[in-house]
C-alpha atoms as a PDB file:
ATOM      1  CA  MET A   1      10.891  -3.537   2.120  1.00  0.00           C
ATOM      2  CA  LYS A   2       8.634  -6.056   3.801  1.00  0.00           C
ATOM      3  CA  GLU A   3       9.798  -4.898   7.241  1.00  0.00           C
ATOM      4  CA  LEU A   4       9.163  -1.264   6.327  1.00  0.00           C
ATOM      5  CA  GLY A   5       5.704  -2.109   5.012  1.00  0.00           C
ATOM      6  CA  GLU A   6       4.859  -4.026   8.162  1.00  0.00           C
ATOM      7  CA  TYR A   7       6.040  -1.070  10.256  1.00  0.00           C
ATOM      8  CA  LEU A   8       3.741   1.268   8.325  1.00  0.00           C
ATOM      9  CA  LYS A   9       0.837  -1.174   8.702  1.00  0.00           C
ATOM     10  CA  ARG A  10       1.368  -1.566  12.463  1.00  0.00           C
ATOM     11  CA  THR A  11       1.501   2.207  12.836  1.00  0.00           C
ATOM     12  CA  ARG A  12      -1.697   2.661  10.824  1.00  0.00           C
ATOM     13  CA  ILE A  13      -3.508   0.061  12.913  1.00  0.00           C
ATOM     14  CA  SER A  14      -2.244   1.517  16.191  1.00  0.00           C
ATOM     15  CA  ASN A  15      -3.481   4.923  15.021  1.00  0.00           C
ATOM     16  CA  GLY A  16      -6.942   3.383  14.536  1.00  0.00           C
ATOM     17  CA  VAL A  17      -7.063   4.143  10.810  1.00  0.00           C
ATOM     18  CA  SER A  18      -8.516   1.693   8.311  1.00  0.00           C
ATOM     19  CA  ILE A  19      -6.706   1.123   5.048  1.00  0.00           C
ATOM     20  CA  ALA A  20      -9.744   2.480   3.172  1.00  0.00           C
ATOM     21  CA  GLU A  21      -9.714   5.664   5.264  1.00  0.00           C
ATOM     22  CA  ALA A  22      -5.982   6.171   4.728  1.00  0.00           C
ATOM     23  CA  ALA A  23      -6.336   5.582   0.988  1.00  0.00           C
ATOM     24  CA  GLU A  24      -9.150   8.111   0.749  1.00  0.00           C
ATOM     25  CA  ASP A  25      -7.275  10.713   2.818  1.00  0.00           C
ATOM     26  CA  LEU A  26      -4.113  10.278   0.728  1.00  0.00           C
ATOM     27  CA  GLU A  27      -5.977  10.020  -2.589  1.00  0.00           C
ATOM     28  CA  LEU A  28      -4.346   6.656  -3.284  1.00  0.00           C
ATOM     29  CA  SER A  29      -6.015   3.355  -4.045  1.00  0.00           C
ATOM     30  CA  THR A  30      -6.367   0.777  -1.307  1.00  0.00           C
ATOM     31  CA  SER A  31      -4.398  -1.637  -3.489  1.00  0.00           C
ATOM     32  CA  GLN A  32      -1.482   0.816  -3.584  1.00  0.00           C
ATOM     33  CA  LEU A  33      -1.409   0.973   0.212  1.00  0.00           C
ATOM     34  CA  GLU A  34      -1.852  -2.792   0.497  1.00  0.00           C
ATOM     35  CA  ASN A  35       1.125  -3.288  -1.823  1.00  0.00           C
ATOM     36  CA  ILE A  36       3.221  -0.836   0.197  1.00  0.00           C
ATOM     37  CA  GLU A  37       2.292  -2.546   3.449  1.00  0.00           C
ATOM     38  CA  SER A  38       3.050  -6.005   2.052  1.00  0.00           C
ATOM     39  CA  GLY A  39       6.355  -4.854   0.557  1.00  0.00           C
ATOM     40  CA  ASN A  40       5.293  -5.644  -2.999  1.00  0.00           C
ATOM     41  CA  VAL A  41       7.640  -3.300  -4.848  1.00  0.00           C
ATOM     42  CA  ARG A  42       6.999  -5.062  -8.162  1.00  0.00           C
ATOM     43  CA  ALA A  43       3.432  -3.734  -8.182  1.00  0.00           C
ATOM     44  CA  PHE A  44       4.802  -0.266  -8.915  1.00  0.00           C
ATOM     45  CA  LYS A  45       6.220   0.756 -12.274  1.00  0.00           C
ATOM     46  CA  ASP A  46       7.918   3.919 -11.045  1.00  0.00           C
ATOM     47  CA  VAL A  47      10.233   3.592  -8.043  1.00  0.00           C
ATOM     48  CA  TYR A  48      10.295   7.379  -7.590  1.00  0.00           C
ATOM     49  CA  GLU A  49       6.513   7.529  -7.354  1.00  0.00           C
ATOM     50  CA  LEU A  50       6.613   4.634  -4.895  1.00  0.00           C
ATOM     51  CA  ARG A  51       9.165   6.494  -2.761  1.00  0.00           C
ATOM     52  CA  ALA A  52       6.997   9.627  -2.812  1.00  0.00           C
ATOM     53  CA  ASN A  53       3.923   7.606  -1.801  1.00  0.00           C
ATOM     54  CA  ILE A  54       5.815   5.933   1.045  1.00  0.00           C
ATOM     55  CA  LYS A  55       7.037   9.302   2.273  1.00  0.00           C
ATOM     56  CA  LEU A  56       3.508  10.752   2.058  1.00  0.00           C
ATOM     57  CA  TYR A  57       2.090   7.740   3.898  1.00  0.00           C
ATOM     58  CA  ALA A  58       4.711   7.990   6.643  1.00  0.00           C
ATOM     59  CA  LYS A  59       3.960  11.681   7.156  1.00  0.00           C
ATOM     60  CA  TYR A  60       0.228  10.926   7.260  1.00  0.00           C
ATOM     61  CA  LEU A  61       0.880   8.343   9.976  1.00  0.00           C
ATOM     62  CA  GLY A  62       2.832  10.864  12.049  1.00  0.00           C
ATOM     63  CA  LEU A  63       6.208   9.269  11.381  1.00  0.00           C
ATOM     64  CA  ASP A  64       9.482  10.925  10.405  1.00  0.00           C
ATOM     65  CA  SER A  65       8.956  10.787   6.631  1.00  0.00           C
ATOM     66  CA  ASP A  66      12.614  11.494   5.845  1.00  0.00           C
ATOM     67  CA  LYS A  67      13.741   8.593   8.042  1.00  0.00           C
ATOM     68  CA  VAL A  68      11.226   6.258   6.416  1.00  0.00           C
ATOM     69  CA  ALA A  69      12.332   7.424   2.947  1.00  0.00           C
ATOM     70  CA  ASP A  70      15.949   6.740   3.944  1.00  0.00           C
ATOM     71  CA  GLU A  71      14.967   3.203   4.979  1.00  0.00           C
ATOM     72  CA  PHE A  72      13.345   2.724   1.581  1.00  0.00           C
ATOM     73  CA  ASN A  73      16.458   4.059  -0.168  1.00  0.00           C
ATOM     74  CA  ASN A  74      18.600   1.590   1.798  1.00  0.00           C
ATOM     75  CA  PHE A  75      16.350  -1.217   0.630  1.00  0.00           C
ATOM     76  CA  LEU A  76      16.734  -0.102  -2.991  1.00  0.00           C
ATOM     77  CA  PHE A  77      20.517   0.050  -2.788  1.00  0.00           C
ATOM     78  CA  GLN A  78      20.663  -3.444  -1.270  1.00  0.00           C
ATOM     79  CA  HIS A  79      18.452  -4.930  -3.998  1.00  0.00           C
END
């Protein structure tokens, strides 16, 4: 998950978007995005909500949200 989070963070930065701006646009808290970007899965109580937020974030960043969601699913199955 850490690698996926770092990928999302690098993409956000390369898109010139601050974490505060992304959080506001997605109607998520900055701490939620920070936890996603740092790979802190334990910060989320609901893994399905986390998956939905990751998919939403990926789409917002212009990434293939289904591919990113698949990467997250692979992480879950491995751990």
